N, C-alpha and C. Protein backbone atom coordinates (compact mmCIF):
# COMPACT_ATOMS: atom_id res chain seq x y z
N MET A 1 89.80 86.83 116.09
CA MET A 1 91.16 87.32 115.95
C MET A 1 91.77 86.89 114.62
N LEU A 2 91.49 85.63 114.19
CA LEU A 2 92.02 85.17 112.91
C LEU A 2 91.52 86.06 111.77
N LYS A 3 90.25 86.44 111.86
CA LYS A 3 89.67 87.29 110.81
C LYS A 3 90.41 88.62 110.71
N SER A 4 90.74 89.20 111.86
CA SER A 4 91.43 90.50 111.82
C SER A 4 92.86 90.36 111.30
N LEU A 5 93.53 89.24 111.60
CA LEU A 5 94.88 89.04 111.07
C LEU A 5 94.85 88.84 109.55
N LEU A 6 93.86 88.10 109.06
CA LEU A 6 93.74 87.93 107.61
C LEU A 6 93.36 89.26 106.95
N ALA A 7 92.51 90.03 107.60
CA ALA A 7 92.15 91.35 107.06
C ALA A 7 93.38 92.26 106.98
N ASP A 8 94.28 92.14 107.95
CA ASP A 8 95.52 92.91 107.94
C ASP A 8 96.38 92.53 106.73
N ILE A 9 96.43 91.25 106.41
CA ILE A 9 97.20 90.79 105.25
C ILE A 9 96.57 91.29 103.96
N VAL A 10 95.26 91.17 103.86
CA VAL A 10 94.55 91.58 102.64
C VAL A 10 94.62 93.09 102.43
N ALA A 11 94.83 93.84 103.49
CA ALA A 11 94.94 95.29 103.38
C ALA A 11 96.24 95.73 102.71
N GLN A 12 97.20 94.82 102.56
CA GLN A 12 98.46 95.14 101.89
C GLN A 12 98.19 95.40 100.40
N ASP A 13 99.03 96.22 99.78
CA ASP A 13 98.87 96.53 98.36
C ASP A 13 98.93 95.26 97.51
N ASP A 14 98.03 95.16 96.55
CA ASP A 14 97.99 94.10 95.55
C ASP A 14 97.76 92.70 96.11
N VAL A 15 97.17 92.59 97.30
CA VAL A 15 96.80 91.28 97.84
C VAL A 15 95.31 91.07 97.57
N TYR A 16 95.00 89.99 96.86
CA TYR A 16 93.61 89.68 96.51
C TYR A 16 92.88 88.96 97.63
N GLY A 17 93.60 88.09 98.36
CA GLY A 17 92.95 87.33 99.41
C GLY A 17 93.94 86.54 100.22
N ALA A 18 93.48 86.06 101.37
CA ALA A 18 94.31 85.25 102.26
C ALA A 18 93.42 84.22 102.93
N ALA A 19 93.98 83.04 103.18
CA ALA A 19 93.21 81.98 103.82
C ALA A 19 94.13 81.13 104.68
N ILE A 20 93.56 80.56 105.71
CA ILE A 20 94.23 79.55 106.52
C ILE A 20 93.63 78.23 106.08
N ILE A 21 94.49 77.33 105.60
CA ILE A 21 93.98 76.07 105.08
C ILE A 21 94.56 74.90 105.87
N ASP A 22 93.74 73.85 106.01
CA ASP A 22 94.22 72.67 106.71
C ASP A 22 94.91 71.73 105.73
N GLN A 23 95.42 70.60 106.23
CA GLN A 23 96.20 69.69 105.40
C GLN A 23 95.37 69.00 104.31
N SER A 24 94.05 69.08 104.42
CA SER A 24 93.18 68.50 103.39
C SER A 24 92.78 69.50 102.33
N GLY A 25 93.16 70.76 102.52
CA GLY A 25 92.85 71.79 101.54
C GLY A 25 91.60 72.58 101.83
N PHE A 26 91.00 72.38 102.99
CA PHE A 26 89.81 73.14 103.36
C PHE A 26 90.20 74.44 104.03
N ALA A 27 89.49 75.50 103.68
CA ALA A 27 89.76 76.81 104.27
C ALA A 27 89.13 76.89 105.66
N ILE A 28 89.97 77.05 106.67
CA ILE A 28 89.49 77.22 108.04
C ILE A 28 88.92 78.63 108.20
N GLU A 29 89.61 79.58 107.62
CA GLU A 29 89.20 80.98 107.63
C GLU A 29 89.71 81.61 106.35
N ALA A 30 88.93 82.50 105.75
CA ALA A 30 89.35 83.13 104.49
C ALA A 30 88.87 84.57 104.45
N ASN A 31 89.64 85.39 103.75
CA ASN A 31 89.26 86.78 103.51
C ASN A 31 89.66 87.13 102.09
N PRO A 32 88.77 87.36 101.19
CA PRO A 32 87.33 87.35 101.36
C PRO A 32 86.78 85.92 101.38
N GLN A 33 85.64 85.75 102.01
CA GLN A 33 84.96 84.46 102.03
C GLN A 33 84.42 84.19 100.63
N GLY A 34 84.40 82.94 100.25
CA GLY A 34 83.83 82.61 98.95
C GLY A 34 84.49 81.41 98.33
N PRO A 35 83.88 80.91 97.28
CA PRO A 35 84.38 79.68 96.66
C PRO A 35 85.72 79.85 95.95
N GLY A 36 86.08 81.04 95.52
CA GLY A 36 87.32 81.25 94.78
C GLY A 36 88.56 80.88 95.58
N LEU A 37 88.67 81.43 96.77
CA LEU A 37 89.83 81.14 97.62
C LEU A 37 89.81 79.69 98.11
N GLU A 38 88.63 79.16 98.39
CA GLU A 38 88.53 77.78 98.84
C GLU A 38 88.93 76.81 97.73
N LYS A 39 88.54 77.11 96.51
CA LYS A 39 88.94 76.26 95.38
C LYS A 39 90.45 76.33 95.17
N MET A 40 91.02 77.53 95.29
CA MET A 40 92.46 77.70 95.15
C MET A 40 93.19 76.90 96.24
N ALA A 41 92.68 76.97 97.47
CA ALA A 41 93.29 76.24 98.59
C ALA A 41 93.29 74.73 98.30
N ALA A 42 92.18 74.22 97.82
CA ALA A 42 92.10 72.79 97.51
C ALA A 42 93.07 72.41 96.39
N ASN A 43 93.15 73.24 95.36
CA ASN A 43 94.06 72.95 94.24
C ASN A 43 95.53 73.01 94.67
N VAL A 44 95.88 73.99 95.46
CA VAL A 44 97.27 74.10 95.93
C VAL A 44 97.62 72.91 96.81
N THR A 45 96.70 72.49 97.66
CA THR A 45 96.95 71.33 98.52
C THR A 45 97.15 70.08 97.69
N MET A 46 96.33 69.88 96.66
CA MET A 46 96.50 68.71 95.79
C MET A 46 97.85 68.77 95.07
N LEU A 47 98.25 69.95 94.66
CA LEU A 47 99.55 70.13 94.02
C LEU A 47 100.69 69.77 94.98
N LEU A 48 100.58 70.20 96.22
CA LEU A 48 101.60 69.88 97.23
C LEU A 48 101.68 68.38 97.50
N ILE A 49 100.54 67.75 97.61
CA ILE A 49 100.50 66.30 97.85
C ILE A 49 101.15 65.56 96.70
N GLU A 50 100.82 65.95 95.49
CA GLU A 50 101.40 65.29 94.32
C GLU A 50 102.90 65.54 94.22
N THR A 51 103.34 66.76 94.53
CA THR A 51 104.76 67.08 94.51
C THR A 51 105.52 66.24 95.53
N GLN A 52 104.96 66.11 96.72
CA GLN A 52 105.59 65.29 97.75
C GLN A 52 105.67 63.83 97.32
N ARG A 53 104.63 63.35 96.67
CA ARG A 53 104.62 61.96 96.19
C ARG A 53 105.69 61.75 95.13
N LEU A 54 105.80 62.69 94.20
CA LEU A 54 106.81 62.57 93.15
C LEU A 54 108.22 62.70 93.72
N ASN A 55 108.40 63.58 94.68
CA ASN A 55 109.72 63.73 95.31
C ASN A 55 110.12 62.46 96.05
N ALA A 56 109.15 61.79 96.65
CA ALA A 56 109.46 60.54 97.35
C ALA A 56 109.88 59.46 96.35
N GLN A 57 109.31 59.47 95.16
CA GLN A 57 109.65 58.50 94.13
C GLN A 57 111.00 58.80 93.49
N ASN A 58 111.30 60.06 93.33
CA ASN A 58 112.52 60.46 92.64
C ASN A 58 113.24 61.52 93.47
N SER A 59 114.20 61.11 94.22
CA SER A 59 114.89 62.03 95.13
C SER A 59 115.69 63.10 94.40
N HIS A 60 115.82 62.99 93.07
CA HIS A 60 116.58 63.97 92.30
C HIS A 60 115.71 65.14 91.83
N THR A 61 114.41 65.06 92.03
CA THR A 61 113.51 66.13 91.60
C THR A 61 113.75 67.36 92.46
N GLU A 62 113.89 68.51 91.80
CA GLU A 62 114.10 69.76 92.51
C GLU A 62 112.81 70.55 92.54
N THR A 63 112.59 71.27 93.62
CA THR A 63 111.43 72.15 93.73
C THR A 63 111.93 73.56 94.00
N ASP A 64 111.04 74.51 93.85
CA ASP A 64 111.37 75.89 94.16
C ASP A 64 111.00 76.22 95.59
N ALA A 65 111.10 75.24 96.46
CA ALA A 65 110.78 75.46 97.88
C ALA A 65 112.01 75.99 98.60
N LYS A 66 111.78 76.81 99.55
CA LYS A 66 112.86 77.36 100.36
C LYS A 66 112.78 76.70 101.73
N GLN A 67 113.79 75.89 102.07
CA GLN A 67 113.81 75.22 103.37
C GLN A 67 114.24 76.22 104.43
N ASN A 68 113.54 76.22 105.52
CA ASN A 68 113.80 77.21 106.55
C ASN A 68 113.51 76.61 107.92
N GLU A 69 114.51 75.96 108.53
CA GLU A 69 114.36 75.38 109.85
C GLU A 69 113.12 74.49 109.95
N ASN A 70 113.10 73.41 109.18
CA ASN A 70 112.01 72.43 109.17
C ASN A 70 110.69 73.00 108.63
N GLN A 71 110.72 74.15 108.03
CA GLN A 71 109.51 74.73 107.45
C GLN A 71 109.77 75.04 105.99
N THR A 72 108.75 74.95 105.19
CA THR A 72 108.87 75.24 103.78
C THR A 72 107.90 76.35 103.41
N THR A 73 108.42 77.40 102.79
CA THR A 73 107.55 78.43 102.24
C THR A 73 107.62 78.29 100.73
N LEU A 74 106.49 78.44 100.09
CA LEU A 74 106.41 78.28 98.64
C LEU A 74 105.89 79.54 97.99
N THR A 75 106.39 79.80 96.80
CA THR A 75 105.86 80.86 95.96
C THR A 75 105.50 80.22 94.64
N LEU A 76 104.23 80.26 94.28
CA LEU A 76 103.76 79.70 93.02
C LEU A 76 103.36 80.84 92.10
N LEU A 77 103.82 80.78 90.87
CA LEU A 77 103.44 81.77 89.87
C LEU A 77 102.32 81.17 89.04
N ALA A 78 101.19 81.84 89.03
CA ALA A 78 100.02 81.34 88.32
C ALA A 78 99.58 82.37 87.28
N GLU A 79 98.62 81.98 86.46
CA GLU A 79 98.14 82.89 85.42
C GLU A 79 97.53 84.16 85.99
N ARG A 80 96.82 84.02 87.09
CA ARG A 80 96.10 85.16 87.66
C ARG A 80 96.75 85.72 88.90
N GLY A 81 98.05 85.57 89.03
CA GLY A 81 98.75 86.14 90.17
C GLY A 81 99.69 85.15 90.82
N ASN A 82 100.21 85.55 91.96
CA ASN A 82 101.13 84.72 92.73
C ASN A 82 100.40 84.12 93.91
N ILE A 83 100.86 82.95 94.33
CA ILE A 83 100.31 82.29 95.51
C ILE A 83 101.48 82.04 96.45
N LEU A 84 101.40 82.60 97.63
CA LEU A 84 102.42 82.40 98.66
C LEU A 84 101.83 81.47 99.71
N LEU A 85 102.64 80.51 100.15
CA LEU A 85 102.19 79.54 101.13
C LEU A 85 103.18 79.49 102.28
N PHE A 86 102.69 79.69 103.50
CA PHE A 86 103.52 79.70 104.70
C PHE A 86 103.02 78.64 105.66
N PRO A 87 103.92 77.83 106.22
CA PRO A 87 103.50 76.80 107.18
C PRO A 87 103.05 77.42 108.50
N LEU A 88 102.03 76.79 109.08
CA LEU A 88 101.51 77.19 110.38
C LEU A 88 101.46 75.97 111.30
N ALA A 89 100.99 76.15 112.49
CA ALA A 89 100.84 75.04 113.44
C ALA A 89 99.75 74.08 112.97
N ASN A 90 99.75 72.88 113.53
CA ASN A 90 98.72 71.86 113.28
C ASN A 90 98.58 71.49 111.81
N ASN A 91 99.70 71.46 111.09
CA ASN A 91 99.71 71.09 109.66
C ASN A 91 98.83 71.99 108.81
N CYS A 92 98.68 73.23 109.20
CA CYS A 92 97.92 74.20 108.43
C CYS A 92 98.90 75.08 107.67
N ASN A 93 98.37 75.82 106.70
CA ASN A 93 99.17 76.75 105.91
C ASN A 93 98.43 78.07 105.76
N LEU A 94 99.20 79.13 105.62
CA LEU A 94 98.65 80.44 105.29
C LEU A 94 98.85 80.63 103.80
N LEU A 95 97.76 80.81 103.08
CA LEU A 95 97.79 81.02 101.64
C LEU A 95 97.49 82.49 101.38
N ILE A 96 98.32 83.13 100.56
CA ILE A 96 98.11 84.52 100.18
C ILE A 96 98.14 84.62 98.67
N HIS A 97 97.10 85.21 98.09
CA HIS A 97 96.99 85.40 96.65
C HIS A 97 97.25 86.86 96.32
N THR A 98 98.25 87.12 95.48
CA THR A 98 98.63 88.49 95.14
C THR A 98 98.62 88.70 93.63
N SER A 99 98.71 89.95 93.23
CA SER A 99 98.86 90.26 91.81
C SER A 99 100.30 89.99 91.40
N HIS A 100 100.54 89.94 90.10
CA HIS A 100 101.90 89.71 89.61
C HIS A 100 102.83 90.89 89.93
N GLY A 101 102.29 92.08 90.01
CA GLY A 101 103.12 93.26 90.20
C GLY A 101 103.44 93.61 91.65
N THR A 102 103.01 92.79 92.58
CA THR A 102 103.21 93.13 93.98
C THR A 102 104.66 92.94 94.42
N ASN A 103 105.02 93.59 95.49
CA ASN A 103 106.34 93.44 96.10
C ASN A 103 106.30 92.20 96.99
N LEU A 104 106.75 91.06 96.45
CA LEU A 104 106.65 89.80 97.17
C LEU A 104 107.47 89.79 98.46
N GLY A 105 108.61 90.45 98.46
CA GLY A 105 109.43 90.51 99.67
C GLY A 105 108.68 91.18 100.82
N LYS A 106 107.98 92.25 100.51
CA LYS A 106 107.21 92.96 101.53
C LYS A 106 106.08 92.07 102.07
N ILE A 107 105.39 91.37 101.18
CA ILE A 107 104.30 90.48 101.59
C ILE A 107 104.85 89.32 102.42
N ARG A 108 105.96 88.72 101.97
CA ARG A 108 106.58 87.62 102.73
C ARG A 108 106.98 88.07 104.13
N ASN A 109 107.61 89.23 104.21
CA ASN A 109 108.05 89.76 105.50
C ASN A 109 106.87 89.96 106.44
N HIS A 110 105.81 90.55 105.92
CA HIS A 110 104.61 90.80 106.73
C HIS A 110 104.00 89.48 107.20
N ALA A 111 103.89 88.52 106.28
CA ALA A 111 103.29 87.22 106.62
C ALA A 111 104.15 86.46 107.63
N GLN A 112 105.46 86.52 107.48
CA GLN A 112 106.34 85.83 108.42
C GLN A 112 106.23 86.42 109.82
N LYS A 113 105.97 87.70 109.92
CA LYS A 113 105.78 88.32 111.23
C LYS A 113 104.45 87.90 111.86
N LEU A 114 103.42 87.71 111.03
CA LEU A 114 102.10 87.35 111.54
C LEU A 114 101.93 85.85 111.75
N SER A 115 102.71 85.03 111.07
CA SER A 115 102.54 83.57 111.14
C SER A 115 102.58 83.02 112.56
N PRO A 116 103.52 83.43 113.42
CA PRO A 116 103.50 82.91 114.79
C PRO A 116 102.22 83.26 115.55
N ARG A 117 101.69 84.46 115.32
CA ARG A 117 100.44 84.85 115.98
C ARG A 117 99.28 84.01 115.49
N ILE A 118 99.25 83.75 114.18
CA ILE A 118 98.19 82.92 113.62
C ILE A 118 98.31 81.50 114.16
N SER A 119 99.52 80.97 114.17
CA SER A 119 99.75 79.61 114.68
C SER A 119 99.29 79.47 116.11
N ALA A 120 99.54 80.48 116.92
CA ALA A 120 99.13 80.44 118.33
C ALA A 120 97.62 80.35 118.51
N LEU A 121 96.89 80.84 117.51
CA LEU A 121 95.41 80.82 117.59
C LEU A 121 94.80 79.53 117.04
N LEU A 122 95.61 78.71 116.40
CA LEU A 122 95.07 77.47 115.82
C LEU A 122 94.97 76.36 116.85
């Protein structure tokens, strides 16, 4: 079922890939499978850990995180596209890699609708 939900996300226009990642940065499930998305997941997780560490040291540091009822969704702009990160159950995250030209609002809306279903399967 997780595979079909990720396939549904990847079927959206300008979405390169989607993965469910655990708190250590390992891909539990990915579409497409391969080292590219897994490496991205590990790098994003390390970035999040470092950001949290720096925020704990300096409470004045601002992030581009959107707080949403104890959940944080992130949008990262990278050289090769955008990375959207949505919190899931069990300290996991949904990572979505898109092109720069994609409609991020549409992708966010779609992912937010699917996130509870994905969380229920974890």
